[in-house]
């Protein structure tokens, strides 16, 4: 009976947590983007993936730092850094070192700072 209960809990955990594909940058070996800032609200979008929404509601394609991953749980999408720490979640307003390229793609590349956390 205990084994059945444990299996049920494990299957429930799998059902409510799913990997989310995000685009990442190649590894960086310098501080080339520390002079500018990017930010927005973390948002999942079927066309751009996990991006940053600006004040006009536009979700921008975002190339997250190398090694970052994302997953979806009951609370939405979570962004995980290269050390395995959750650094932001869907709906969080973030700011970080980085830049926006000529195509409007955002390239965050510094420690992520949370301005307003979703749900607070």
PDB file of N, CA and C in Angstrom:
ATOM      1  N   UNK A   1       0.829  -1.194   0.000  1.00  0.00           N
ATOM      2  CA  UNK A   1       0.000   0.000   0.000  1.00  0.00           C
ATOM      3  C   UNK A   1       0.870   1.254   0.000  1.00  0.00           C
ATOM      4  N   UNK A   2       1.942   1.271   0.810  1.00  0.00           N
ATOM      5  CA  UNK A   2       2.835   2.427   0.871  1.00  0.00           C
ATOM      6  C   UNK A   2       3.487   2.685  -0.482  1.00  0.00           C
ATOM      7  N   UNK A   3       3.907   1.614  -1.179  1.00  0.00           N
ATOM      8  CA  UNK A   3       4.540   1.756  -2.493  1.00  0.00           C
ATOM      9  C   UNK A   3       3.566   2.368  -3.487  1.00  0.00           C
ATOM     10  N   UNK A   4       2.289   1.970  -3.419  1.00  0.00           N
ATOM     11  CA  UNK A   4       1.280   2.530  -4.317  1.00  0.00           C
ATOM     12  C   UNK A   4       1.087   4.011  -4.030  1.00  0.00           C
ATOM     13  N   UNK A   5       1.061   4.392  -2.767  1.00  0.00           N
ATOM     14  CA  UNK A   5       0.897   5.792  -2.389  1.00  0.00           C
ATOM     15  C   UNK A   5       2.094   6.615  -2.871  1.00  0.00           C
ATOM     16  N   UNK A   6       3.310   6.094  -2.676  1.00  0.00           N
ATOM     17  CA  UNK A   6       4.506   6.804  -3.131  1.00  0.00           C
ATOM     18  C   UNK A   6       4.505   6.976  -4.642  1.00  0.00           C
ATOM     19  N   UNK A   7       4.078   5.956  -5.376  1.00  0.00           N
ATOM     20  CA  UNK A   7       4.006   6.049  -6.827  1.00  0.00           C
ATOM     21  C   UNK A   7       2.989   7.109  -7.238  1.00  0.00           C
ATOM     22  N   UNK A   8       1.873   7.150  -6.538  1.00  0.00           N
ATOM     23  CA  UNK A   8       0.855   8.164  -6.829  1.00  0.00           C
ATOM     24  C   UNK A   8       1.373   9.572  -6.612  1.00  0.00           C
ATOM     25  N   UNK A   9       2.110   9.793  -5.543  1.00  0.00           N
ATOM     26  CA  UNK A   9       2.695  11.111  -5.261  1.00  0.00           C
ATOM     27  C   UNK A   9       3.711  11.477  -6.339  1.00  0.00           C
ATOM     28  N   UNK A  10       4.540  10.513  -6.753  1.00  0.00           N
ATOM     29  CA  UNK A  10       5.535  10.774  -7.789  1.00  0.00           C
ATOM     30  C   UNK A  10       4.865  11.115  -9.109  1.00  0.00           C
ATOM     31  N   UNK A  11       3.809  10.397  -9.470  1.00  0.00           N
ATOM     32  CA  UNK A  11       3.105  10.682 -10.717  1.00  0.00           C
ATOM     33  C   UNK A  11       2.425  12.042 -10.660  1.00  0.00           C
ATOM     34  N   UNK A  12       1.876  12.419  -9.521  1.00  0.00           N
ATOM     35  CA  UNK A  12       1.274  13.731  -9.369  1.00  0.00           C
ATOM     36  C   UNK A  12       2.319  14.823  -9.550  1.00  0.00           C
ATOM     37  N   UNK A  13       3.495  14.633  -8.968  1.00  0.00           N
ATOM     38  CA  UNK A  13       4.572  15.623  -9.113  1.00  0.00           C
ATOM     39  C   UNK A  13       4.967  15.768 -10.571  1.00  0.00           C
ATOM     40  N   UNK A  14       5.039  14.665 -11.304  1.00  0.00           N
ATOM     41  CA  UNK A  14       5.365  14.734 -12.724  1.00  0.00           C
ATOM     42  C   UNK A  14       4.265  15.429 -13.506  1.00  0.00           C
ATOM     43  N   UNK A  15       3.033  15.235 -13.105  1.00  0.00           N
ATOM     44  CA  UNK A  15       1.904  15.820 -13.823  1.00  0.00           C
ATOM     45  C   UNK A  15       1.837  17.333 -13.657  1.00  0.00           C
ATOM     46  N   UNK A  16       2.326  17.878 -12.546  1.00  0.00           N
ATOM     47  CA  UNK A  16       2.218  19.307 -12.304  1.00  0.00           C
ATOM     48  C   UNK A  16       3.511  20.059 -12.588  1.00  0.00           C
ATOM     49  N   UNK A  17       4.587  19.355 -12.965  1.00  0.00           N
ATOM     50  CA  UNK A  17       5.851  19.990 -13.294  1.00  0.00           C
ATOM     51  C   UNK A  17       6.267  19.539 -14.685  1.00  0.00           C
ATOM     52  N   UNK A  18       6.556  20.501 -15.541  1.00  0.00           N
ATOM     53  CA  UNK A  18       6.970  20.160 -16.900  1.00  0.00           C
ATOM     54  C   UNK A  18       8.107  21.076 -17.332  1.00  0.00           C
ATOM     55  N   UNK A  19       9.044  20.520 -18.078  1.00  0.00           N
ATOM     56  CA  UNK A  19      10.135  21.326 -18.615  1.00  0.00           C
ATOM     57  C   UNK A  19       9.580  22.307 -19.644  1.00  0.00           C
ATOM     58  N   UNK A  20      10.215  23.454 -19.734  1.00  0.00           N
ATOM     59  CA  UNK A  20       9.843  24.474 -20.701  1.00  0.00           C
ATOM     60  C   UNK A  20      11.106  24.821 -21.471  1.00  0.00           C
ATOM     61  N   UNK A  21      11.015  24.842 -22.773  1.00  0.00           N
ATOM     62  CA  UNK A  21      12.182  25.187 -23.593  1.00  0.00           C
ATOM     63  C   UNK A  21      12.412  26.694 -23.554  1.00  0.00           C
ATOM     64  N   UNK A  22      13.652  27.085 -23.316  1.00  0.00           N
ATOM     65  CA  UNK A  22      14.022  28.497 -23.411  1.00  0.00           C
ATOM     66  C   UNK A  22      15.274  28.596 -24.278  1.00  0.00           C
ATOM     67  N   UNK A  23      15.444  29.751 -24.896  1.00  0.00           N
ATOM     68  CA  UNK A  23      16.646  29.994 -25.681  1.00  0.00           C
ATOM     69  C   UNK A  23      17.715  30.588 -24.780  1.00  0.00           C
ATOM     70  N   UNK A  24      18.951  30.143 -24.974  1.00  0.00           N
ATOM     71  CA  UNK A  24      20.048  30.694 -24.182  1.00  0.00           C
ATOM     72  C   UNK A  24      21.151  31.209 -25.091  1.00  0.00           C
ATOM     73  N   UNK A  25      21.980  32.061 -24.520  1.00  0.00           N
ATOM     74  CA  UNK A  25      23.121  32.630 -25.211  1.00  0.00           C
ATOM     75  C   UNK A  25      24.287  31.654 -25.171  1.00  0.00           C
ATOM     76  N   UNK A  26      25.256  31.844 -26.054  1.00  0.00           N
ATOM     77  CA  UNK A  26      26.478  31.043 -25.921  1.00  0.00           C
ATOM     78  C   UNK A  26      27.224  31.468 -24.659  1.00  0.00           C
ATOM     79  N   UNK A  27      28.152  30.650 -24.178  1.00  0.00           N
ATOM     80  CA  UNK A  27      28.943  31.060 -23.009  1.00  0.00           C
ATOM     81  C   UNK A  27      29.664  32.383 -23.281  1.00  0.00           C
ATOM     82  N   UNK A  28      29.737  33.221 -22.274  1.00  0.00           N
ATOM     83  CA  UNK A  28      30.438  34.508 -22.401  1.00  0.00           C
ATOM     84  C   UNK A  28      31.714  34.457 -21.586  1.00  0.00           C
ATOM     85  N   UNK A  29      32.741  35.121 -22.088  1.00  0.00           N
ATOM     86  CA  UNK A  29      34.006  35.131 -21.357  1.00  0.00           C
ATOM     87  C   UNK A  29      34.458  36.548 -21.020  1.00  0.00           C
ATOM     88  N   UNK A  30      33.516  37.464 -21.039  1.00  0.00           N
ATOM     89  CA  UNK A  30      33.871  38.847 -20.719  1.00  0.00           C
ATOM     90  C   UNK A  30      32.702  39.566 -20.091  1.00  0.00           C
ATOM     91  N   UNK A  31      32.876  40.852 -19.885  1.00  0.00           N
ATOM     92  CA  UNK A  31      31.838  41.685 -19.285  1.00  0.00           C
ATOM     93  C   UNK A  31      31.235  42.631 -20.313  1.00  0.00           C
ATOM     94  N   UNK A  32      31.074  42.147 -21.547  1.00  0.00           N
ATOM     95  CA  UNK A  32      30.673  43.023 -22.639  1.00  0.00           C
ATOM     96  C   UNK A  32      29.275  43.621 -22.508  1.00  0.00           C
ATOM     97  N   UNK A  33      28.436  43.105 -21.644  1.00  0.00           N
ATOM     98  CA  UNK A  33      27.086  43.669 -21.578  1.00  0.00           C
ATOM     99  C   UNK A  33      26.746  44.246 -20.211  1.00  0.00           C
ATOM    100  N   UNK A  34      27.719  44.526 -19.411  1.00  0.00           N
ATOM    101  CA  UNK A  34      27.434  45.013 -18.060  1.00  0.00           C
ATOM    102  C   UNK A  34      27.154  46.511 -17.993  1.00  0.00           C
ATOM    103  N   UNK A  35      27.279  47.224 -19.102  1.00  0.00           N
ATOM    104  CA  UNK A  35      27.066  48.667 -19.073  1.00  0.00           C
ATOM    105  C   UNK A  35      25.625  49.059 -19.359  1.00  0.00           C
ATOM    106  N   UNK A  36      24.830  48.158 -19.899  1.00  0.00           N
ATOM    107  CA  UNK A  36      23.436  48.460 -20.224  1.00  0.00           C
ATOM    108  C   UNK A  36      22.514  47.623 -19.341  1.00  0.00           C
ATOM    109  N   UNK A  37      21.212  47.911 -19.404  1.00  0.00           N
ATOM    110  CA  UNK A  37      20.221  47.190 -18.592  1.00  0.00           C
ATOM    111  C   UNK A  37      19.068  46.730 -19.479  1.00  0.00           C
ATOM    112  N   UNK A  38      18.489  45.601 -19.132  1.00  0.00           N
ATOM    113  CA  UNK A  38      17.245  45.144 -19.735  1.00  0.00           C
ATOM    114  C   UNK A  38      16.312  44.729 -18.610  1.00  0.00           C
ATOM    115  N   UNK A  39      15.054  44.683 -18.935  1.00  0.00           N
ATOM    116  CA  UNK A  39      14.087  44.261 -17.938  1.00  0.00           C
ATOM    117  C   UNK A  39      12.722  44.076 -18.551  1.00  0.00           C
ATOM    118  N   UNK A  40      11.804  43.674 -17.725  1.00  0.00           N
ATOM    119  CA  UNK A  40      10.429  43.446 -18.133  1.00  0.00           C
ATOM    120  C   UNK A  40       9.801  42.433 -17.204  1.00  0.00           C
ATOM    121  N   UNK A  41       8.631  41.987 -17.585  1.00  0.00           N
ATOM    122  CA  UNK A  41       7.904  41.002 -16.792  1.00  0.00           C
ATOM    123  C   UNK A  41       8.062  39.646 -17.465  1.00  0.00           C
ATOM    124  N   UNK A  42       8.489  38.642 -16.702  1.00  0.00           N
ATOM    125  CA  UNK A  42       8.667  37.291 -17.244  1.00  0.00           C
ATOM    126  C   UNK A  42       7.314  36.776 -17.723  1.00  0.00           C
ATOM    127  N   UNK A  43       7.283  36.344 -18.997  1.00  0.00           N
ATOM    128  CA  UNK A  43       6.030  35.882 -19.593  1.00  0.00           C
ATOM    129  C   UNK A  43       6.294  34.720 -20.544  1.00  0.00           C
ATOM    130  N   UNK A  44       5.424  33.735 -20.498  1.00  0.00           N
ATOM    131  CA  UNK A  44       5.499  32.611 -21.434  1.00  0.00           C
ATOM    132  C   UNK A  44       4.601  32.914 -22.618  1.00  0.00           C
ATOM    133  N   UNK A  45       5.099  32.608 -23.804  1.00  0.00           N
ATOM    134  CA  UNK A  45       4.356  32.888 -25.026  1.00  0.00           C
ATOM    135  C   UNK A  45       4.621  31.755 -26.012  1.00  0.00           C
ATOM    136  N   UNK A  46       3.584  31.239 -26.689  1.00  0.00           N
ATOM    137  CA  UNK A  46       3.801  30.125 -27.609  1.00  0.00           C
ATOM    138  C   UNK A  46       4.699  30.466 -28.798  1.00  0.00           C
ATOM    139  N   UNK A  47       4.784  31.734 -29.156  1.00  0.00           N
ATOM    140  CA  UNK A  47       5.617  32.111 -30.303  1.00  0.00           C
ATOM    141  C   UNK A  47       7.053  32.450 -29.930  1.00  0.00           C
ATOM    142  N   UNK A  48       7.266  33.115 -28.791  1.00  0.00           N
ATOM    143  CA  UNK A  48       8.621  33.533 -28.425  1.00  0.00           C
ATOM    144  C   UNK A  48       9.218  32.700 -27.297  1.00  0.00           C
ATOM    145  N   UNK A  49       8.460  31.809 -26.721  1.00  0.00           N
ATOM    146  CA  UNK A  49       8.947  31.027 -25.591  1.00  0.00           C
ATOM    147  C   UNK A  49       8.809  31.817 -24.304  1.00  0.00           C
ATOM    148  N   UNK A  50       9.816  31.745 -23.448  1.00  0.00           N
ATOM    149  CA  UNK A  50       9.802  32.514 -22.200  1.00  0.00           C
ATOM    150  C   UNK A  50      10.552  33.805 -22.469  1.00  0.00           C
ATOM    151  N   UNK A  51       9.825  34.902 -22.460  1.00  0.00           N
ATOM    152  CA  UNK A  51      10.419  36.187 -22.783  1.00  0.00           C
ATOM    153  C   UNK A  51      10.131  37.227 -21.723  1.00  0.00           C
ATOM    154  N   UNK A  52      10.376  38.480 -22.112  1.00  0.00           N
ATOM    155  CA  UNK A  52      10.125  39.615 -21.218  1.00  0.00           C
ATOM    156  C   UNK A  52       9.081  40.526 -21.855  1.00  0.00           C
ATOM    157  N   UNK A  53       8.013  40.779 -21.108  1.00  0.00           N
ATOM    158  CA  UNK A  53       6.934  41.656 -21.567  1.00  0.00           C
ATOM    159  C   UNK A  53       7.243  43.084 -21.170  1.00  0.00           C
ATOM    160  N   UNK A  54       7.139  44.004 -22.137  1.00  0.00           N
ATOM    161  CA  UNK A  54       7.404  45.413 -21.842  1.00  0.00           C
ATOM    162  C   UNK A  54       6.136  46.110 -21.362  1.00  0.00           C
ATOM    163  N   UNK A  55       6.226  47.399 -21.096  1.00  0.00           N
ATOM    164  CA  UNK A  55       5.110  48.187 -20.589  1.00  0.00           C
ATOM    165  C   UNK A  55       3.942  48.294 -21.548  1.00  0.00           C
ATOM    166  N   UNK A  56       4.178  48.037 -22.834  1.00  0.00           N
ATOM    167  CA  UNK A  56       3.106  48.068 -23.836  1.00  0.00           C
ATOM    168  C   UNK A  56       2.451  46.709 -24.021  1.00  0.00           C
ATOM    169  N   UNK A  57       2.900  45.714 -23.264  1.00  0.00           N
ATOM    170  CA  UNK A  57       2.320  44.386 -23.355  1.00  0.00           C
ATOM    171  C   UNK A  57       2.954  43.484 -24.399  1.00  0.00           C
ATOM    172  N   UNK A  58       4.005  43.969 -25.078  1.00  0.00           N
ATOM    173  CA  UNK A  58       4.691  43.171 -26.093  1.00  0.00           C
ATOM    174  C   UNK A  58       5.659  42.219 -25.398  1.00  0.00           C
ATOM    175  N   UNK A  59       5.582  40.926 -25.752  1.00  0.00           N
ATOM    176  CA  UNK A  59       6.517  39.948 -25.202  1.00  0.00           C
ATOM    177  C   UNK A  59       7.673  39.807 -26.183  1.00  0.00           C
ATOM    178  N   UNK A  60       8.875  40.111 -25.701  1.00  0.00           N
ATOM    179  CA  UNK A  60      10.074  40.088 -26.540  1.00  0.00           C
ATOM    180  C   UNK A  60      10.786  38.749 -26.415  1.00  0.00           C
ATOM    181  N   UNK A  61      11.236  38.255 -27.546  1.00  0.00           N
ATOM    182  CA  UNK A  61      12.100  37.073 -27.546  1.00  0.00           C
ATOM    183  C   UNK A  61      13.294  37.394 -26.644  1.00  0.00           C
ATOM    184  N   UNK A  62      13.677  36.429 -25.831  1.00  0.00           N
ATOM    185  CA  UNK A  62      14.748  36.652 -24.857  1.00  0.00           C
ATOM    186  C   UNK A  62      15.730  35.490 -24.914  1.00  0.00           C
ATOM    187  N   UNK A  63      17.013  35.829 -25.042  1.00  0.00           N
ATOM    188  CA  UNK A  63      18.069  34.824 -24.976  1.00  0.00           C
ATOM    189  C   UNK A  63      18.650  34.885 -23.572  1.00  0.00           C
ATOM    190  N   UNK A  64      18.255  33.934 -22.746  1.00  0.00           N
ATOM    191  CA  UNK A  64      18.658  33.896 -21.347  1.00  0.00           C
ATOM    192  C   UNK A  64      20.133  33.516 -21.253  1.00  0.00           C
ATOM    193  N   UNK A  65      20.773  33.816 -20.136  1.00  0.00           N
ATOM    194  CA  UNK A  65      22.196  33.463 -19.979  1.00  0.00           C
ATOM    195  C   UNK A  65      22.448  31.968 -20.172  1.00  0.00           C
ATOM    196  N   UNK A  66      23.632  31.662 -20.643  1.00  0.00           N
ATOM    197  CA  UNK A  66      24.041  30.275 -20.859  1.00  0.00           C
ATOM    198  C   UNK A  66      23.862  29.472 -19.572  1.00  0.00           C
ATOM    199  N   UNK A  67      23.295  28.294 -19.689  1.00  0.00           N
ATOM    200  CA  UNK A  67      23.107  27.419 -18.530  1.00  0.00           C
ATOM    201  C   UNK A  67      21.766  27.574 -17.842  1.00  0.00           C
ATOM    202  N   UNK A  68      20.985  28.611 -18.195  1.00  0.00           N
ATOM    203  CA  UNK A  68      19.672  28.783 -17.589  1.00  0.00           C
ATOM    204  C   UNK A  68      18.706  27.763 -18.183  1.00  0.00           C
ATOM    205  N   UNK A  69      17.730  27.353 -17.382  1.00  0.00           N
ATOM    206  CA  UNK A  69      16.665  26.458 -17.819  1.00  0.00           C
ATOM    207  C   UNK A  69      15.352  27.001 -17.280  1.00  0.00           C
ATOM    208  N   UNK A  70      14.267  26.345 -17.645  1.00  0.00           N
ATOM    209  CA  UNK A  70      12.962  26.754 -17.131  1.00  0.00           C
ATOM    210  C   UNK A  70      12.069  25.528 -16.993  1.00  0.00           C
ATOM    211  N   UNK A  71      11.111  25.635 -16.110  1.00  0.00           N
ATOM    212  CA  UNK A  71      10.092  24.598 -15.987  1.00  0.00           C
ATOM    213  C   UNK A  71       8.788  25.258 -15.590  1.00  0.00           C
ATOM    214  N   UNK A  72       7.698  24.543 -15.811  1.00  0.00           N
ATOM    215  CA  UNK A  72       6.365  25.035 -15.445  1.00  0.00           C
ATOM    216  C   UNK A  72       5.834  24.168 -14.311  1.00  0.00           C
ATOM    217  N   UNK A  73       5.288  24.843 -13.296  1.00  0.00           N
ATOM    218  CA  UNK A  73       4.596  24.124 -12.235  1.00  0.00           C
ATOM    219  C   UNK A  73       3.232  24.783 -12.054  1.00  0.00           C
ATOM    220  N   UNK A  74       2.545  24.470 -10.972  1.00  0.00           N
ATOM    221  CA  UNK A  74       1.213  25.040 -10.763  1.00  0.00           C
ATOM    222  C   UNK A  74       1.228  26.566 -10.660  1.00  0.00           C
ATOM    223  N   UNK A  75       2.368  27.152 -10.292  1.00  0.00           N
ATOM    224  CA  UNK A  75       2.477  28.597 -10.161  1.00  0.00           C
ATOM    225  C   UNK A  75       2.901  29.298 -11.442  1.00  0.00           C
ATOM    226  N   UNK A  76       3.152  28.544 -12.509  1.00  0.00           N
ATOM    227  CA  UNK A  76       3.590  29.136 -13.770  1.00  0.00           C
ATOM    228  C   UNK A  76       5.007  28.728 -14.097  1.00  0.00           C
ATOM    229  N   UNK A  77       5.628  29.492 -14.980  1.00  0.00           N
ATOM    230  CA  UNK A  77       6.990  29.195 -15.420  1.00  0.00           C
ATOM    231  C   UNK A  77       7.987  29.717 -14.401  1.00  0.00           C
ATOM    232  N   UNK A  78       9.018  28.938 -14.138  1.00  0.00           N
ATOM    233  CA  UNK A  78      10.116  29.325 -13.252  1.00  0.00           C
ATOM    234  C   UNK A  78      11.395  29.348 -14.071  1.00  0.00           C
ATOM    235  N   UNK A  79      12.215  30.379 -13.897  1.00  0.00           N
ATOM    236  CA  UNK A  79      13.516  30.491 -14.537  1.00  0.00           C
ATOM    237  C   UNK A  79      14.563  30.036 -13.524  1.00  0.00           C
ATOM    238  N   UNK A  80      15.443  29.138 -13.949  1.00  0.00           N
ATOM    239  CA  UNK A  80      16.453  28.549 -13.076  1.00  0.00           C
ATOM    240  C   UNK A  80      17.831  28.907 -13.623  1.00  0.00           C
ATOM    241  N   UNK A  81      18.711  29.393 -12.749  1.00  0.00           N
ATOM    242  CA  UNK A  81      20.047  29.787 -13.215  1.00  0.00           C
ATOM    243  C   UNK A  81      20.961  28.574 -13.372  1.00  0.00           C
ATOM    244  N   UNK A  82      22.190  28.840 -13.763  1.00  0.00           N
ATOM    245  CA  UNK A  82      23.146  27.759 -14.030  1.00  0.00           C
ATOM    246  C   UNK A  82      23.596  27.029 -12.771  1.00  0.00           C
ATOM    247  N   UNK A  83      23.204  27.512 -11.607  1.00  0.00           N
ATOM    248  CA  UNK A  83      23.535  26.847 -10.342  1.00  0.00           C
ATOM    249  C   UNK A  83      22.328  26.093  -9.777  1.00  0.00           C
ATOM    250  N   UNK A  84      21.214  26.095 -10.514  1.00  0.00           N
ATOM    251  CA  UNK A  84      20.025  25.377 -10.079  1.00  0.00           C
ATOM    252  C   UNK A  84      19.089  26.162  -9.187  1.00  0.00           C
ATOM    253  N   UNK A  85      19.322  27.463  -9.042  1.00  0.00           N
ATOM    254  CA  UNK A  85      18.472  28.305  -8.190  1.00  0.00           C
ATOM    255  C   UNK A  85      17.361  28.935  -9.015  1.00  0.00           C
ATOM    256  N   UNK A  86      16.151  28.968  -8.462  1.00  0.00           N
ATOM    257  CA  UNK A  86      15.055  29.684  -9.109  1.00  0.00           C
ATOM    258  C   UNK A  86      15.337  31.174  -8.940  1.00  0.00           C
ATOM    259  N   UNK A  87      15.469  31.889 -10.067  1.00  0.00           N
ATOM    260  CA  UNK A  87      15.809  33.305 -10.006  1.00  0.00           C
ATOM    261  C   UNK A  87      14.632  34.209 -10.351  1.00  0.00           C
ATOM    262  N   UNK A  88      13.605  33.662 -10.999  1.00  0.00           N
ATOM    263  CA  UNK A  88      12.431  34.466 -11.338  1.00  0.00           C
ATOM    264  C   UNK A  88      11.299  33.533 -11.731  1.00  0.00           C
ATOM    265  N   UNK A  89      10.107  34.048 -11.646  1.00  0.00           N
ATOM    266  CA  UNK A  89       8.936  33.281 -12.045  1.00  0.00           C
ATOM    267  C   UNK A  89       8.049  34.097 -12.958  1.00  0.00           C
ATOM    268  N   UNK A  90       7.147  33.402 -13.631  1.00  0.00           N
ATOM    269  CA  UNK A  90       6.219  34.062 -14.540  1.00  0.00           C
ATOM    270  C   UNK A  90       5.449  35.142 -13.787  1.00  0.00           C
ATOM    271  N   UNK A  91       5.421  36.335 -14.355  1.00  0.00           N
ATOM    272  CA  UNK A  91       4.748  37.468 -13.728  1.00  0.00           C
ATOM    273  C   UNK A  91       5.665  38.354 -12.909  1.00  0.00           C
ATOM    274  N   UNK A  92       6.889  37.887 -12.623  1.00  0.00           N
ATOM    275  CA  UNK A  92       7.856  38.713 -11.884  1.00  0.00           C
ATOM    276  C   UNK A  92       8.402  39.801 -12.798  1.00  0.00           C
ATOM    277  N   UNK A  93       8.537  40.991 -12.254  1.00  0.00           N
ATOM    278  CA  UNK A  93       9.196  42.077 -12.983  1.00  0.00           C
ATOM    279  C   UNK A  93      10.682  42.023 -12.635  1.00  0.00           C
ATOM    280  N   UNK A  94      11.529  41.903 -13.670  1.00  0.00           N
ATOM    281  CA  UNK A  94      12.961  41.768 -13.417  1.00  0.00           C
ATOM    282  C   UNK A  94      13.744  42.887 -14.097  1.00  0.00           C
ATOM    283  N   UNK A  95      14.962  43.081 -13.620  1.00  0.00           N
ATOM    284  CA  UNK A  95      15.933  43.979 -14.255  1.00  0.00           C
ATOM    285  C   UNK A  95      17.298  43.336 -14.094  1.00  0.00           C
ATOM    286  N   UNK A  96      18.156  43.540 -15.078  1.00  0.00           N
ATOM    287  CA  UNK A  96      19.484  42.952 -15.036  1.00  0.00           C
ATOM    288  C   UNK A  96      20.388  43.659 -16.036  1.00  0.00           C
ATOM    289  N   UNK A  97      21.677  43.430 -15.910  1.00  0.00           N
ATOM    290  CA  UNK A  97      22.592  43.887 -16.953  1.00  0.00           C
ATOM    291  C   UNK A  97      22.228  43.156 -18.230  1.00  0.00           C
ATOM    292  N   UNK A  98      22.426  43.799 -19.356  1.00  0.00           N
ATOM    293  CA  UNK A  98      22.124  43.173 -20.629  1.00  0.00           C
ATOM    294  C   UNK A  98      21.859  44.213 -21.694  1.00  0.00           C
ATOM    295  N   UNK A  99      21.348  43.763 -22.818  1.00  0.00           N
ATOM    296  CA  UNK A  99      21.066  44.684 -23.917  1.00  0.00           C
ATOM    297  C   UNK A  99      19.944  44.127 -24.776  1.00  0.00           C
ATOM    298  N   UNK A 100      19.365  45.009 -25.579  1.00  0.00           N
ATOM    299  CA  UNK A 100      18.370  44.641 -26.578  1.00  0.00           C
ATOM    300  C   UNK A 100      19.008  44.860 -27.933  1.00  0.00           C
ATOM    301  N   UNK A 101      19.004  43.826 -28.766  1.00  0.00           N
ATOM    302  CA  UNK A 101      19.663  43.958 -30.073  1.00  0.00           C
ATOM    303  C   UNK A 101      18.760  44.670 -31.083  1.00  0.00           C
ATOM    304  N   UNK A 102      19.259  44.841 -32.301  1.00  0.00           N
ATOM    305  CA  UNK A 102      18.540  45.592 -33.328  1.00  0.00           C
ATOM    306  C   UNK A 102      17.241  44.924 -33.755  1.00  0.00           C
ATOM    307  N   UNK A 103      17.068  43.632 -33.457  1.00  0.00           N
ATOM    308  CA  UNK A 103      15.829  42.929 -33.774  1.00  0.00           C
ATOM    309  C   UNK A 103      14.845  42.927 -32.606  1.00  0.00           C
ATOM    310  N   UNK A 104      15.191  43.605 -31.512  1.00  0.00           N
ATOM    311  CA  UNK A 104      14.315  43.657 -30.350  1.00  0.00           C
ATOM    312  C   UNK A 104      14.462  42.482 -29.405  1.00  0.00           C
ATOM    313  N   UNK A 105      15.455  41.619 -29.665  1.00  0.00           N
ATOM    314  CA  UNK A 105      15.689  40.456 -28.797  1.00  0.00           C
ATOM    315  C   UNK A 105      16.457  40.917 -27.562  1.00  0.00           C
ATOM    316  N   UNK A 106      15.972  40.510 -26.397  1.00  0.00           N
ATOM    317  CA  UNK A 106      16.630  40.894 -25.144  1.00  0.00           C
ATOM    318  C   UNK A 106      17.671  39.850 -24.765  1.00  0.00           C
ATOM    319  N   UNK A 107      18.802  40.344 -24.239  1.00  0.00           N
ATOM    320  CA  UNK A 107      19.930  39.503 -23.844  1.00  0.00           C
ATOM    321  C   UNK A 107      20.312  39.820 -22.399  1.00  0.00           C
ATOM    322  N   UNK A 108      19.582  39.276 -21.411  1.00  0.00           N
ATOM    323  CA  UNK A 108      20.000  39.492 -20.020  1.00  0.00           C
ATOM    324  C   UNK A 108      21.297  38.751 -19.754  1.00  0.00           C
ATOM    325  N   UNK A 109      22.203  39.363 -18.986  1.00  0.00           N
ATOM    326  CA  UNK A 109      23.473  38.665 -18.757  1.00  0.00           C
ATOM    327  C   UNK A 109      24.082  38.966 -17.403  1.00  0.00           C
ATOM    328  N   UNK A 110      23.341  39.497 -16.493  1.00  0.00           N
ATOM    329  CA  UNK A 110      23.868  39.741 -15.159  1.00  0.00           C
ATOM    330  C   UNK A 110      22.979  39.096 -14.122  1.00  0.00           C
ATOM    331  N   UNK A 111      23.287  39.307 -12.865  1.00  0.00           N
ATOM    332  CA  UNK A 111      22.413  38.793 -11.812  1.00  0.00           C
ATOM    333  C   UNK A 111      21.004  39.385 -11.971  1.00  0.00           C
ATOM    334  N   UNK A 112      19.995  38.564 -11.838  1.00  0.00           N
ATOM    335  CA  UNK A 112      18.616  39.019 -12.018  1.00  0.00           C
ATOM    336  C   UNK A 112      18.114  39.615 -10.720  1.00  0.00           C
ATOM    337  N   UNK A 113      17.580  40.826 -10.846  1.00  0.00           N
ATOM    338  CA  UNK A 113      16.997  41.528  -9.703  1.00  0.00           C
ATOM    339  C   UNK A 113      15.475  41.548  -9.889  1.00  0.00           C
ATOM    340  N   UNK A 114      14.753  41.206  -8.837  1.00  0.00           N
ATOM    341  CA  UNK A 114      13.296  41.208  -8.884  1.00  0.00           C
ATOM    342  C   UNK A 114      12.791  42.576  -8.409  1.00  0.00           C
ATOM    343  N   UNK A 115      12.034  43.255  -9.272  1.00  0.00           N
ATOM    344  CA  UNK A 115      11.415  44.523  -8.882  1.00  0.00           C
ATOM    345  C   UNK A 115      10.120  44.267  -8.142  1.00  0.00           C
ATOM    346  N   UNK A 116       9.174  43.635  -8.815  1.00  0.00           N
ATOM    347  CA  UNK A 116       7.907  43.240  -8.231  1.00  0.00           C
ATOM    348  C   UNK A 116       7.694  41.767  -8.486  1.00  0.00           C
ATOM    349  N   UNK A 117       7.461  41.026  -7.409  1.00  0.00           N
ATOM    350  CA  UNK A 117       7.241  39.587  -7.536  1.00  0.00           C
ATOM    351  C   UNK A 117       5.758  39.352  -7.803  1.00  0.00           C
ATOM    352  N   UNK A 118       5.460  38.430  -8.726  1.00  0.00           N
ATOM    353  CA  UNK A 118       4.086  38.107  -9.067  1.00  0.00           C
ATOM    354  C   UNK A 118       3.325  37.678  -7.828  1.00  0.00           C
ATOM    355  N   UNK A 119       2.079  38.124  -7.727  1.00  0.00           N
ATOM    356  CA  UNK A 119       1.238  37.708  -6.625  1.00  0.00           C
ATOM    357  C   UNK A 119       1.439  38.465  -5.325  1.00  0.00           C
ATOM    358  N   UNK A 120       2.283  39.518  -5.342  1.00  0.00           N
ATOM    359  CA  UNK A 120       2.486  40.284  -4.098  1.00  0.00           C
ATOM    360  C   UNK A 120       1.983  41.682  -4.256  1.00  0.00           C
TER     361      UNK A 120
END
